C-alpha atoms as a PDB file:
ATOM      1  CA  UNK A   1       9.786 -31.023  15.358  1.00  0.00           C
ATOM      2  CA  UNK A   2       7.146 -31.470  18.285  1.00  0.00           C
ATOM      3  CA  UNK A   3       3.499 -32.795  17.326  1.00  0.00           C
ATOM      4  CA  UNK A   4       1.426 -29.951  18.467  1.00  0.00           C
ATOM      5  CA  UNK A   5      -0.980 -31.111  21.184  1.00  0.00           C
ATOM      6  CA  UNK A   6      -4.837 -31.825  20.479  1.00  0.00           C
ATOM      7  CA  UNK A   7      -7.494 -29.994  20.937  1.00  0.00           C
ATOM      8  CA  UNK A   8      -9.695 -31.646  24.291  1.00  0.00           C
ATOM      9  CA  UNK A   9     -12.473 -33.365  23.067  1.00  0.00           C
ATOM     10  CA  UNK A  10     -15.024 -31.212  25.137  1.00  0.00           C
ATOM     11  CA  UNK A  11     -14.010 -28.200  23.176  1.00  0.00           C
ATOM     12  CA  UNK A  12     -13.953 -29.058  20.084  1.00  0.00           C
ATOM     13  CA  UNK A  13     -18.003 -28.511  19.852  1.00  0.00           C
ATOM     14  CA  UNK A  14     -17.226 -25.120  20.618  1.00  0.00           C
ATOM     15  CA  UNK A  15     -14.273 -24.226  18.351  1.00  0.00           C
ATOM     16  CA  UNK A  16     -16.696 -22.581  15.422  1.00  0.00           C
ATOM     17  CA  UNK A  17     -18.505 -20.740  18.046  1.00  0.00           C
ATOM     18  CA  UNK A  18     -15.105 -19.133  19.572  1.00  0.00           C
ATOM     19  CA  UNK A  19     -13.855 -18.687  16.070  1.00  0.00           C
ATOM     20  CA  UNK A  20     -17.128 -16.978  15.033  1.00  0.00           C
ATOM     21  CA  UNK A  21     -16.672 -14.458  18.360  1.00  0.00           C
ATOM     22  CA  UNK A  22     -12.996 -13.994  17.784  1.00  0.00           C
ATOM     23  CA  UNK A  23     -13.602 -12.935  14.064  1.00  0.00           C
ATOM     24  CA  UNK A  24     -16.065 -10.135  15.330  1.00  0.00           C
ATOM     25  CA  UNK A  25     -13.526  -9.058  17.975  1.00  0.00           C
ATOM     26  CA  UNK A  26     -10.990  -8.403  15.336  1.00  0.00           C
ATOM     27  CA  UNK A  27     -13.380  -6.238  13.644  1.00  0.00           C
ATOM     28  CA  UNK A  28     -14.289  -4.213  16.822  1.00  0.00           C
ATOM     29  CA  UNK A  29     -10.446  -3.947  16.956  1.00  0.00           C
ATOM     30  CA  UNK A  30     -10.169  -2.542  13.599  1.00  0.00           C
ATOM     31  CA  UNK A  31     -12.508  -0.031  14.166  1.00  0.00           C
ATOM     32  CA  UNK A  32     -11.180   0.982  17.823  1.00  0.00           C
ATOM     33  CA  UNK A  33      -7.941   1.166  16.106  1.00  0.00           C
ATOM     34  CA  UNK A  34      -9.393   3.765  13.555  1.00  0.00           C
ATOM     35  CA  UNK A  35     -11.370   5.735  16.098  1.00  0.00           C
ATOM     36  CA  UNK A  36      -8.567   6.385  18.172  1.00  0.00           C
ATOM     37  CA  UNK A  37      -6.634   7.665  14.973  1.00  0.00           C
ATOM     38  CA  UNK A  38      -9.607  10.006  14.541  1.00  0.00           C
ATOM     39  CA  UNK A  39      -9.516  11.354  17.866  1.00  0.00           C
ATOM     40  CA  UNK A  40      -5.776  11.902  18.044  1.00  0.00           C
ATOM     41  CA  UNK A  41      -6.510  14.042  14.492  1.00  0.00           C
ATOM     42  CA  UNK A  42      -9.116  15.862  16.656  1.00  0.00           C
ATOM     43  CA  UNK A  43      -6.884  16.354  19.167  1.00  0.00           C
ATOM     44  CA  UNK A  44      -3.771  17.430  16.714  1.00  0.00           C
ATOM     45  CA  UNK A  45      -6.083  20.007  14.897  1.00  0.00           C
ATOM     46  CA  UNK A  46      -6.871  21.621  18.121  1.00  0.00           C
ATOM     47  CA  UNK A  47      -3.380  22.121  19.737  1.00  0.00           C
ATOM     48  CA  UNK A  48      -2.056  23.189  16.122  1.00  0.00           C
ATOM     49  CA  UNK A  49      -5.002  26.033  16.016  1.00  0.00           C
ATOM     50  CA  UNK A  50      -4.300  26.733  19.824  1.00  0.00           C
ATOM     51  CA  UNK A  51      -0.122  27.212  18.908  1.00  0.00           C
ATOM     52  CA  UNK A  52      -0.732  29.004  15.716  1.00  0.00           C
ATOM     53  CA  UNK A  53      -3.242  31.558  17.373  1.00  0.00           C
ATOM     54  CA  UNK A  54      -0.747  31.998  20.192  1.00  0.00           C
ATOM     55  CA  UNK A  55       2.012  31.973  18.068  1.00  0.00           C
ATOM     56  CA  UNK A  56       2.258  35.754  17.709  1.00  0.00           C
ATOM     57  CA  UNK A  57       2.239  37.110  20.639  1.00  0.00           C
ATOM     58  CA  UNK A  58       3.192  34.533  23.347  1.00  0.00           C
ATOM     59  CA  UNK A  59       5.571  32.194  21.675  1.00  0.00           C
ATOM     60  CA  UNK A  60       7.841  32.533  18.946  1.00  0.00           C
ATOM     61  CA  UNK A  61       8.314  30.451  15.327  1.00  0.00           C
ATOM     62  CA  UNK A  62      10.640  28.386  17.023  1.00  0.00           C
ATOM     63  CA  UNK A  63       8.364  27.001  19.318  1.00  0.00           C
ATOM     64  CA  UNK A  64       5.831  26.842  17.144  1.00  0.00           C
ATOM     65  CA  UNK A  65       7.384  24.813  14.504  1.00  0.00           C
ATOM     66  CA  UNK A  66       8.962  22.501  17.093  1.00  0.00           C
ATOM     67  CA  UNK A  67       5.328  21.830  18.627  1.00  0.00           C
ATOM     68  CA  UNK A  68       3.598  21.193  15.349  1.00  0.00           C
ATOM     69  CA  UNK A  69       6.558  18.977  14.049  1.00  0.00           C
ATOM     70  CA  UNK A  70       7.005  17.052  17.480  1.00  0.00           C
ATOM     71  CA  UNK A  71       2.965  16.321  17.594  1.00  0.00           C
ATOM     72  CA  UNK A  72       3.429  15.451  13.459  1.00  0.00           C
ATOM     73  CA  UNK A  73       5.723  12.769  14.258  1.00  0.00           C
ATOM     74  CA  UNK A  74       3.787  11.626  17.346  1.00  0.00           C
ATOM     75  CA  UNK A  75       0.526  11.481  14.897  1.00  0.00           C
ATOM     76  CA  UNK A  76       2.749   9.205  12.500  1.00  0.00           C
ATOM     77  CA  UNK A  77       3.573   6.642  14.841  1.00  0.00           C
ATOM     78  CA  UNK A  78       0.168   6.099  15.790  1.00  0.00           C
ATOM     79  CA  UNK A  79      -0.997   5.597  11.927  1.00  0.00           C
ATOM     80  CA  UNK A  80       1.698   3.295  11.137  1.00  0.00           C
ATOM     81  CA  UNK A  81       0.621   1.240  14.182  1.00  0.00           C
ATOM     82  CA  UNK A  82      -3.263   1.394  13.601  1.00  0.00           C
ATOM     83  CA  UNK A  83      -2.261   0.512   9.649  1.00  0.00           C
ATOM     84  CA  UNK A  84      -0.133  -2.362  11.058  1.00  0.00           C
ATOM     85  CA  UNK A  85      -3.192  -3.741  13.217  1.00  0.00           C
ATOM     86  CA  UNK A  86      -5.669  -3.462  10.490  1.00  0.00           C
ATOM     87  CA  UNK A  87      -3.520  -5.535   8.131  1.00  0.00           C
ATOM     88  CA  UNK A  88      -2.747  -7.931  10.943  1.00  0.00           C
ATOM     89  CA  UNK A  89      -6.337  -8.522  11.938  1.00  0.00           C
ATOM     90  CA  UNK A  90      -7.302  -8.331   8.732  1.00  0.00           C
ATOM     91  CA  UNK A  91      -5.144 -11.766   8.025  1.00  0.00           C
ATOM     92  CA  UNK A  92      -6.715 -13.004  11.186  1.00  0.00           C
ATOM     93  CA  UNK A  93     -10.154 -12.740   9.649  1.00  0.00           C
ATOM     94  CA  UNK A  94      -9.238 -14.548   6.783  1.00  0.00           C
ATOM     95  CA  UNK A  95      -7.626 -17.345   8.184  1.00  0.00           C
ATOM     96  CA  UNK A  96     -10.767 -18.004   9.933  1.00  0.00           C
ATOM     97  CA  UNK A  97     -12.913 -17.414   6.660  1.00  0.00           C
ATOM     98  CA  UNK A  98     -10.670 -19.900   5.435  1.00  0.00           C
ATOM     99  CA  UNK A  99     -11.737 -22.431   7.453  1.00  0.00           C
ATOM    100  CA  UNK A 100     -15.897 -21.571   6.835  1.00  0.00           C
ATOM    101  CA  UNK A 101     -15.609 -21.087   3.350  1.00  0.00           C
ATOM    102  CA  UNK A 102     -15.193 -23.409   0.701  1.00  0.00           C
ATOM    103  CA  UNK A 103     -12.059 -22.906  -1.795  1.00  0.00           C
ATOM    104  CA  UNK A 104     -14.705 -22.889  -4.828  1.00  0.00           C
ATOM    105  CA  UNK A 105     -16.390 -19.784  -3.185  1.00  0.00           C
ATOM    106  CA  UNK A 106     -13.100 -17.684  -3.833  1.00  0.00           C
ATOM    107  CA  UNK A 107     -13.790 -15.396  -7.005  1.00  0.00           C
ATOM    108  CA  UNK A 108     -17.473 -15.884  -6.511  1.00  0.00           C
ATOM    109  CA  UNK A 109     -18.453 -15.174  -3.027  1.00  0.00           C
ATOM    110  CA  UNK A 110     -15.568 -13.046  -2.077  1.00  0.00           C
ATOM    111  CA  UNK A 111     -12.595 -11.833  -3.446  1.00  0.00           C
ATOM    112  CA  UNK A 112      -9.790 -14.462  -3.791  1.00  0.00           C
ATOM    113  CA  UNK A 113      -7.144 -11.965  -2.110  1.00  0.00           C
ATOM    114  CA  UNK A 114      -9.948 -11.818   0.986  1.00  0.00           C
ATOM    115  CA  UNK A 115      -8.431 -15.756   1.760  1.00  0.00           C
ATOM    116  CA  UNK A 116      -4.796 -13.816   2.932  1.00  0.00           C
ATOM    117  CA  UNK A 117      -4.783 -10.468   2.602  1.00  0.00           C
ATOM    118  CA  UNK A 118      -1.594  -8.545   1.473  1.00  0.00           C
ATOM    119  CA  UNK A 119      -0.162  -5.624   3.809  1.00  0.00           C
ATOM    120  CA  UNK A 120      -1.311  -2.548   2.495  1.00  0.00           C
ATOM    121  CA  UNK A 121      -1.432   0.587   3.307  1.00  0.00           C
ATOM    122  CA  UNK A 122      -5.272   1.613   3.747  1.00  0.00           C
ATOM    123  CA  UNK A 123      -7.095   4.799   2.134  1.00  0.00           C
ATOM    124  CA  UNK A 124      -7.524   6.294   5.501  1.00  0.00           C
ATOM    125  CA  UNK A 125      -4.141   6.120   6.886  1.00  0.00           C
ATOM    126  CA  UNK A 126      -3.034   7.223   3.723  1.00  0.00           C
ATOM    127  CA  UNK A 127      -4.807  10.306   3.875  1.00  0.00           C
ATOM    128  CA  UNK A 128      -4.122  10.662   7.468  1.00  0.00           C
ATOM    129  CA  UNK A 129      -0.360  10.240   7.033  1.00  0.00           C
ATOM    130  CA  UNK A 130      -0.201  12.464   3.886  1.00  0.00           C
ATOM    131  CA  UNK A 131      -1.727  15.761   5.849  1.00  0.00           C
ATOM    132  CA  UNK A 132       0.483  14.844   8.760  1.00  0.00           C
ATOM    133  CA  UNK A 133       3.669  14.961   6.510  1.00  0.00           C
ATOM    134  CA  UNK A 134       2.428  18.026   4.600  1.00  0.00           C
ATOM    135  CA  UNK A 135       1.395  19.618   7.684  1.00  0.00           C
ATOM    136  CA  UNK A 136       4.868  19.342   9.115  1.00  0.00           C
ATOM    137  CA  UNK A 137       6.568  20.147   5.973  1.00  0.00           C
ATOM    138  CA  UNK A 138       4.804  23.645   5.894  1.00  0.00           C
ATOM    139  CA  UNK A 139       5.470  24.137   9.561  1.00  0.00           C
ATOM    140  CA  UNK A 140       9.083  23.757   9.054  1.00  0.00           C
ATOM    141  CA  UNK A 141       9.605  25.916   5.935  1.00  0.00           C
ATOM    142  CA  UNK A 142       7.519  28.575   7.210  1.00  0.00           C
ATOM    143  CA  UNK A 143       9.639  28.650  10.323  1.00  0.00           C
ATOM    144  CA  UNK A 144      12.903  28.796   7.626  1.00  0.00           C
ATOM    145  CA  UNK A 145      11.357  31.431   5.645  1.00  0.00           C
ATOM    146  CA  UNK A 146      10.760  33.467   8.905  1.00  0.00           C
ATOM    147  CA  UNK A 147      14.308  33.123  10.055  1.00  0.00           C
ATOM    148  CA  UNK A 148      15.466  34.544   6.707  1.00  0.00           C
ATOM    149  CA  UNK A 149      13.207  37.212   6.745  1.00  0.00           C
ATOM    150  CA  UNK A 150      13.917  38.027  10.724  1.00  0.00           C
ATOM    151  CA  UNK A 151      15.721  41.401  11.200  1.00  0.00           C
ATOM    152  CA  UNK A 152      15.911  41.078  14.898  1.00  0.00           C
ATOM    153  CA  UNK A 153      19.166  38.308  14.656  1.00  0.00           C
ATOM    154  CA  UNK A 154      17.531  35.395  15.640  1.00  0.00           C
ATOM    155  CA  UNK A 155      20.974  33.148  16.638  1.00  0.00           C
ATOM    156  CA  UNK A 156      21.809  30.906  13.435  1.00  0.00           C
ATOM    157  CA  UNK A 157      21.236  27.443  15.320  1.00  0.00           C
ATOM    158  CA  UNK A 158      18.275  27.599  15.753  1.00  0.00           C
ATOM    159  CA  UNK A 159      17.569  26.520  12.317  1.00  0.00           C
ATOM    160  CA  UNK A 160      20.105  23.850  12.669  1.00  0.00           C
ATOM    161  CA  UNK A 161      18.331  22.445  15.430  1.00  0.00           C
ATOM    162  CA  UNK A 162      15.456  22.930  13.878  1.00  0.00           C
ATOM    163  CA  UNK A 163      16.101  20.720  10.663  1.00  0.00           C
ATOM    164  CA  UNK A 164      17.838  17.962  12.789  1.00  0.00           C
ATOM    165  CA  UNK A 165      14.898  17.780  14.892  1.00  0.00           C
ATOM    166  CA  UNK A 166      12.694  17.047  11.507  1.00  0.00           C
ATOM    167  CA  UNK A 167      15.257  15.331   9.355  1.00  0.00           C
ATOM    168  CA  UNK A 168      15.886  12.505  12.621  1.00  0.00           C
ATOM    169  CA  UNK A 169      11.697  12.419  13.148  1.00  0.00           C
ATOM    170  CA  UNK A 170      11.102  12.169   9.525  1.00  0.00           C
ATOM    171  CA  UNK A 171      13.827   9.482   8.980  1.00  0.00           C
ATOM    172  CA  UNK A 172      12.624   7.801  12.308  1.00  0.00           C
ATOM    173  CA  UNK A 173       8.859   7.235  10.884  1.00  0.00           C
ATOM    174  CA  UNK A 174      11.108   5.800   7.734  1.00  0.00           C
ATOM    175  CA  UNK A 175      12.729   3.468  10.143  1.00  0.00           C
ATOM    176  CA  UNK A 176       9.489   2.620  12.191  1.00  0.00           C
ATOM    177  CA  UNK A 177       7.436   1.834   9.057  1.00  0.00           C
ATOM    178  CA  UNK A 178      10.099  -0.485   8.128  1.00  0.00           C
ATOM    179  CA  UNK A 179      10.392  -2.406  11.440  1.00  0.00           C
ATOM    180  CA  UNK A 180       6.621  -2.811  11.044  1.00  0.00           C
ATOM    181  CA  UNK A 181       6.375  -4.189   7.939  1.00  0.00           C
ATOM    182  CA  UNK A 182       9.277  -6.705   8.742  1.00  0.00           C
ATOM    183  CA  UNK A 183       7.200  -7.580  11.988  1.00  0.00           C
ATOM    184  CA  UNK A 184       4.236  -8.202  10.160  1.00  0.00           C
ATOM    185  CA  UNK A 185       5.815 -10.821   7.903  1.00  0.00           C
ATOM    186  CA  UNK A 186       7.489 -12.350  10.829  1.00  0.00           C
ATOM    187  CA  UNK A 187       3.763 -12.706  11.768  1.00  0.00           C
ATOM    188  CA  UNK A 188       2.522 -13.567   8.687  1.00  0.00           C
ATOM    189  CA  UNK A 189       4.534 -16.556   8.293  1.00  0.00           C
ATOM    190  CA  UNK A 190       3.860 -17.721  11.523  1.00  0.00           C
ATOM    191  CA  UNK A 191       0.323 -17.406  11.071  1.00  0.00           C
ATOM    192  CA  UNK A 192       0.014 -18.534   7.421  1.00  0.00           C
ATOM    193  CA  UNK A 193      -3.578 -20.336   8.265  1.00  0.00           C
ATOM    194  CA  UNK A 194      -5.112 -23.145   5.599  1.00  0.00           C
ATOM    195  CA  UNK A 195      -3.650 -23.385   2.627  1.00  0.00           C
ATOM    196  CA  UNK A 196      -5.393 -23.153  -0.419  1.00  0.00           C
ATOM    197  CA  UNK A 197      -4.274 -21.570  -3.937  1.00  0.00           C
ATOM    198  CA  UNK A 198      -6.297 -18.912  -4.707  1.00  0.00           C
ATOM    199  CA  UNK A 199      -5.051 -14.779  -4.058  1.00  0.00           C
ATOM    200  CA  UNK A 200      -1.677 -13.548  -2.802  1.00  0.00           C
ATOM    201  CA  UNK A 201      -0.564 -17.686  -1.365  1.00  0.00           C
ATOM    202  CA  UNK A 202      -0.148 -18.377  -5.049  1.00  0.00           C
ATOM    203  CA  UNK A 203       3.332 -16.468  -4.193  1.00  0.00           C
ATOM    204  CA  UNK A 204       5.878 -17.017  -1.391  1.00  0.00           C
ATOM    205  CA  UNK A 205       5.612 -14.876   1.482  1.00  0.00           C
ATOM    206  CA  UNK A 206       9.199 -13.779   0.651  1.00  0.00           C
ATOM    207  CA  UNK A 207       7.700 -12.364  -3.036  1.00  0.00           C
ATOM    208  CA  UNK A 208       4.870 -10.775  -0.822  1.00  0.00           C
ATOM    209  CA  UNK A 209       7.627  -8.893   1.197  1.00  0.00           C
ATOM    210  CA  UNK A 210       9.263  -7.609  -1.749  1.00  0.00           C
ATOM    211  CA  UNK A 211       6.500  -6.028  -3.128  1.00  0.00           C
ATOM    212  CA  UNK A 212       5.185  -4.670  -0.077  1.00  0.00           C
ATOM    213  CA  UNK A 213       8.486  -3.200   0.613  1.00  0.00           C
ATOM    214  CA  UNK A 214       8.602  -1.587  -2.801  1.00  0.00           C
ATOM    215  CA  UNK A 215       5.235  -0.035  -2.801  1.00  0.00           C
ATOM    216  CA  UNK A 216       6.264   1.338   0.921  1.00  0.00           C
ATOM    217  CA  UNK A 217       4.125   4.736   0.506  1.00  0.00           C
ATOM    218  CA  UNK A 218       4.841   5.530   4.083  1.00  0.00           C
ATOM    219  CA  UNK A 219       8.236   5.289   4.102  1.00  0.00           C
ATOM    220  CA  UNK A 220       8.776   7.051   0.864  1.00  0.00           C
ATOM    221  CA  UNK A 221       6.933   9.835   1.855  1.00  0.00           C
ATOM    222  CA  UNK A 222       8.770  10.449   5.327  1.00  0.00           C
ATOM    223  CA  UNK A 223      11.894  10.006   3.336  1.00  0.00           C
ATOM    224  CA  UNK A 224      11.147  12.590   0.424  1.00  0.00           C
ATOM    225  CA  UNK A 225       9.915  14.903   3.311  1.00  0.00           C
ATOM    226  CA  UNK A 226      13.326  14.194   5.398  1.00  0.00           C
ATOM    227  CA  UNK A 227      15.237  15.048   1.674  1.00  0.00           C
ATOM    228  CA  UNK A 228      13.087  18.222   1.491  1.00  0.00           C
ATOM    229  CA  UNK A 229      13.848  19.463   4.754  1.00  0.00           C
ATOM    230  CA  UNK A 230      17.624  19.107   4.231  1.00  0.00           C
ATOM    231  CA  UNK A 231      17.653  20.369   0.528  1.00  0.00           C
ATOM    232  CA  UNK A 232      15.704  23.625   2.344  1.00  0.00           C
ATOM    233  CA  UNK A 233      18.199  23.735   4.734  1.00  0.00           C
ATOM    234  CA  UNK A 234      21.417  23.769   2.197  1.00  0.00           C
ATOM    235  CA  UNK A 235      19.396  26.414   0.133  1.00  0.00           C
ATOM    236  CA  UNK A 236      18.855  28.511   3.145  1.00  0.00           C
ATOM    237  CA  UNK A 237      22.537  28.058   4.110  1.00  0.00           C
ATOM    238  CA  UNK A 238      23.439  29.051   0.568  1.00  0.00           C
ATOM    239  CA  UNK A 239      21.151  32.605   0.463  1.00  0.00           C
ATOM    240  CA  UNK A 240      22.700  33.489   4.229  1.00  0.00           C
ATOM    241  CA  UNK A 241      26.107  32.388   3.327  1.00  0.00           C
ATOM    242  CA  UNK A 242      25.841  32.350  -0.773  1.00  0.00           C
ATOM    243  CA  UNK A 243      27.645  28.897  -0.053  1.00  0.00           C
ATOM    244  CA  UNK A 244      27.879  27.291  -3.176  1.00  0.00           C
ATOM    245  CA  UNK A 245      28.580  23.451  -1.923  1.00  0.00           C
ATOM    246  CA  UNK A 246      25.062  24.105  -0.036  1.00  0.00           C
ATOM    247  CA  UNK A 247      23.550  25.314  -3.179  1.00  0.00           C
ATOM    248  CA  UNK A 248      24.821  21.692  -4.885  1.00  0.00           C
ATOM    249  CA  UNK A 249      23.795  19.966  -2.003  1.00  0.00           C
ATOM    250  CA  UNK A 250      20.130  21.006  -2.504  1.00  0.00           C
ATOM    251  CA  UNK A 251      20.031  20.022  -6.013  1.00  0.00           C
ATOM    252  CA  UNK A 252      21.601  16.350  -5.489  1.00  0.00           C
ATOM    253  CA  UNK A 253      19.657  15.848  -2.952  1.00  0.00           C
ATOM    254  CA  UNK A 254      16.249  16.391  -4.993  1.00  0.00           C
ATOM    255  CA  UNK A 255      17.542  14.895  -7.881  1.00  0.00           C
ATOM    256  CA  UNK A 256      18.478  11.911  -6.075  1.00  0.00           C
ATOM    257  CA  UNK A 257      15.220  11.764  -4.538  1.00  0.00           C
ATOM    258  CA  UNK A 258      13.525  12.257  -7.732  1.00  0.00           C
ATOM    259  CA  UNK A 259      15.743   9.439  -9.187  1.00  0.00           C
ATOM    260  CA  UNK A 260      14.718   7.437  -6.587  1.00  0.00           C
ATOM    261  CA  UNK A 261      10.974   7.487  -6.739  1.00  0.00           C
ATOM    262  CA  UNK A 262      11.357   7.152 -10.566  1.00  0.00           C
ATOM    263  CA  UNK A 263      12.976   3.786  -9.930  1.00  0.00           C
ATOM    264  CA  UNK A 264      10.552   2.904  -7.814  1.00  0.00           C
ATOM    265  CA  UNK A 265       7.865   3.285 -10.265  1.00  0.00           C
ATOM    266  CA  UNK A 266      10.030   1.025 -12.751  1.00  0.00           C
ATOM    267  CA  UNK A 267      10.154  -1.552 -10.138  1.00  0.00           C
ATOM    268  CA  UNK A 268       6.554  -1.633  -9.281  1.00  0.00           C
ATOM    269  CA  UNK A 269       5.833  -2.193 -12.961  1.00  0.00           C
ATOM    270  CA  UNK A 270       8.679  -4.750 -12.960  1.00  0.00           C
ATOM    271  CA  UNK A 271       6.590  -6.509 -10.491  1.00  0.00           C
ATOM    272  CA  UNK A 272       3.244  -6.038 -11.852  1.00  0.00           C
ATOM    273  CA  UNK A 273       4.296  -7.534 -15.122  1.00  0.00           C
ATOM    274  CA  UNK A 274       5.448 -10.527 -13.734  1.00  0.00           C
ATOM    275  CA  UNK A 275       2.401 -11.225 -11.510  1.00  0.00           C
ATOM    276  CA  UNK A 276       0.413 -10.945 -14.514  1.00  0.00           C
ATOM    277  CA  UNK A 277       2.644 -13.450 -16.429  1.00  0.00           C
ATOM    278  CA  UNK A 278       2.856 -15.680 -13.544  1.00  0.00           C
ATOM    279  CA  UNK A 279      -1.088 -16.146 -13.487  1.00  0.00           C
ATOM    280  CA  UNK A 280      -2.128 -18.804 -11.463  1.00  0.00           C
ATOM    281  CA  UNK A 281       1.020 -20.644 -11.090  1.00  0.00           C
ATOM    282  CA  UNK A 282       2.564 -21.451  -7.607  1.00  0.00           C
ATOM    283  CA  UNK A 283       6.297 -20.463  -7.036  1.00  0.00           C
ATOM    284  CA  UNK A 284       9.121 -20.957  -4.584  1.00  0.00           C
ATOM    285  CA  UNK A 285      10.920 -18.020  -3.626  1.00  0.00           C
ATOM    286  CA  UNK A 286      14.192 -20.007  -5.114  1.00  0.00           C
ATOM    287  CA  UNK A 287      12.486 -20.034  -8.736  1.00  0.00           C
ATOM    288  CA  UNK A 288      11.042 -16.627  -8.843  1.00  0.00           C
ATOM    289  CA  UNK A 289      14.758 -15.588  -7.915  1.00  0.00           C
ATOM    290  CA  UNK A 290      16.261 -17.519 -10.320  1.00  0.00           C
ATOM    291  CA  UNK A 291      13.781 -16.453 -13.290  1.00  0.00           C
ATOM    292  CA  UNK A 292      14.972 -13.765 -15.660  1.00  0.00           C
ATOM    293  CA  UNK A 293      11.871 -10.950 -16.096  1.00  0.00           C
ATOM    294  CA  UNK A 294      11.764  -7.570 -17.616  1.00  0.00           C
ATOM    295  CA  UNK A 295      15.260  -5.902 -18.430  1.00  0.00           C
ATOM    296  CA  UNK A 296      16.826  -9.481 -17.360  1.00  0.00           C
ATOM    297  CA  UNK A 297      16.920  -8.145 -13.860  1.00  0.00           C
ATOM    298  CA  UNK A 298      16.210 -11.578 -11.504  1.00  0.00           C
ATOM    299  CA  UNK A 299      13.923 -10.902  -8.367  1.00  0.00           C
ATOM    300  CA  UNK A 300      16.569 -11.559  -5.667  1.00  0.00           C
ATOM    301  CA  UNK A 301      18.578  -8.805  -7.693  1.00  0.00           C
ATOM    302  CA  UNK A 302      15.999  -6.564  -7.763  1.00  0.00           C
ATOM    303  CA  UNK A 303      15.282  -7.070  -4.036  1.00  0.00           C
ATOM    304  CA  UNK A 304      18.649  -6.180  -3.112  1.00  0.00           C
ATOM    305  CA  UNK A 305      19.139  -3.033  -5.138  1.00  0.00           C
ATOM    306  CA  UNK A 306      16.060  -1.312  -3.703  1.00  0.00           C
ATOM    307  CA  UNK A 307      17.178  -2.452  -0.036  1.00  0.00           C
ATOM    308  CA  UNK A 308      20.435  -0.749  -1.480  1.00  0.00           C
ATOM    309  CA  UNK A 309      18.838   2.175  -2.707  1.00  0.00           C
ATOM    310  CA  UNK A 310      16.777   3.385   0.465  1.00  0.00           C
ATOM    311  CA  UNK A 311      19.439   2.446   2.953  1.00  0.00           C
ATOM    312  CA  UNK A 312      22.107   5.000   0.416  1.00  0.00           C
ATOM    313  CA  UNK A 313      19.386   7.342   0.736  1.00  0.00           C
ATOM    314  CA  UNK A 314      19.110   7.417   4.550  1.00  0.00           C
ATOM    315  CA  UNK A 315      23.188   7.641   4.403  1.00  0.00           C
ATOM    316  CA  UNK A 316      23.285  10.628   1.986  1.00  0.00           C
ATOM    317  CA  UNK A 317      20.953  12.806   4.078  1.00  0.00           C
ATOM    318  CA  UNK A 318      23.000  12.196   7.049  1.00  0.00           C
ATOM    319  CA  UNK A 319      26.232  12.937   5.167  1.00  0.00           C
ATOM    320  CA  UNK A 320      25.096  16.417   3.548  1.00  0.00           C
ATOM    321  CA  UNK A 321      23.420  17.442   6.757  1.00  0.00           C
ATOM    322  CA  UNK A 322      26.380  17.408   8.914  1.00  0.00           C
ATOM    323  CA  UNK A 323      28.811  18.338   5.968  1.00  0.00           C
ATOM    324  CA  UNK A 324      26.786  21.389   5.692  1.00  0.00           C
ATOM    325  CA  UNK A 325      26.200  22.094   9.511  1.00  0.00           C
ATOM    326  CA  UNK A 326      29.730  21.629   9.958  1.00  0.00           C
ATOM    327  CA  UNK A 327      31.137  23.831   7.198  1.00  0.00           C
ATOM    328  CA  UNK A 328      28.378  26.725   8.472  1.00  0.00           C
ATOM    329  CA  UNK A 329      29.478  26.281  11.655  1.00  0.00           C
ATOM    330  CA  UNK A 330      33.508  26.521  10.536  1.00  0.00           C
ATOM    331  CA  UNK A 331      32.466  29.266   8.217  1.00  0.00           C
ATOM    332  CA  UNK A 332      30.392  31.995  11.144  1.00  0.00           C
ATOM    333  CA  UNK A 333      33.726  31.006  13.760  1.00  0.00           C
ATOM    334  CA  UNK A 334      36.206  32.526  11.209  1.00  0.00           C
ATOM    335  CA  UNK A 335      34.046  35.205  10.387  1.00  0.00           C
END
């Protein structure tokens, strides 16, 4: 491994001032990102109010649902980006503060976890994310209801197109969230800062990545919303064509969603119980993976199980949607 070049002697006296200015600019960047999210929310509210107001007279329900869906996915992407920048900047701020604040002051002057802030979903962004998801779901369900009650004979493929747009958009939001978390932990490993045994630093980065993945609020919301969209589509197919397979598929999807959410809750309890029992010991990932906890599941196996459940959920949504669309198309061609 090559030695890092030493700081020039004439720059060393300026380093503290540079770090303090950098810390200030990181806080400014956090505020700017949050301000940008609020600006988009203002634009989003205005656009939704406009499209709903004009919807009955100048457009149709399909256009209203499509525009609201696209705007919602756009906003969700902006929220995920702003949240990731906040997590990144707080980590850098923690790295700078570790150079100035003595270890003994952590837990007295500031909380210990400020030394290396853990990636999480911050309160304002959780609120924005939840509202955008709910508004998108309401727009889709209203579209399904109007289509089922429409006596003018609107094309049924409108529903298939809209379901595909919403399901694909929500699954992509899940993928973006997962990719963003992976990017953060690559950054975390390469910008660990001064090592002190306080806060989250008593655990290896693999454990922190596992913990964040198990409590990925954005990802769970997005996949749950995608499940509800496809389940609603299956119910619409059942209502229109009395398809028993469509009804059973919707029940399976909702049941899997509930089981997954319950499983994640149990996994989070597993994580909390381990952290409580671990105390302030410093662990390696190998030691954590080998240690049996709770129900006799090792940490590594729990991590693999969670990845499998999340991947199988996405596959199940895709298979059910394509199957019901194909069967519905065949039934209409036959009639």
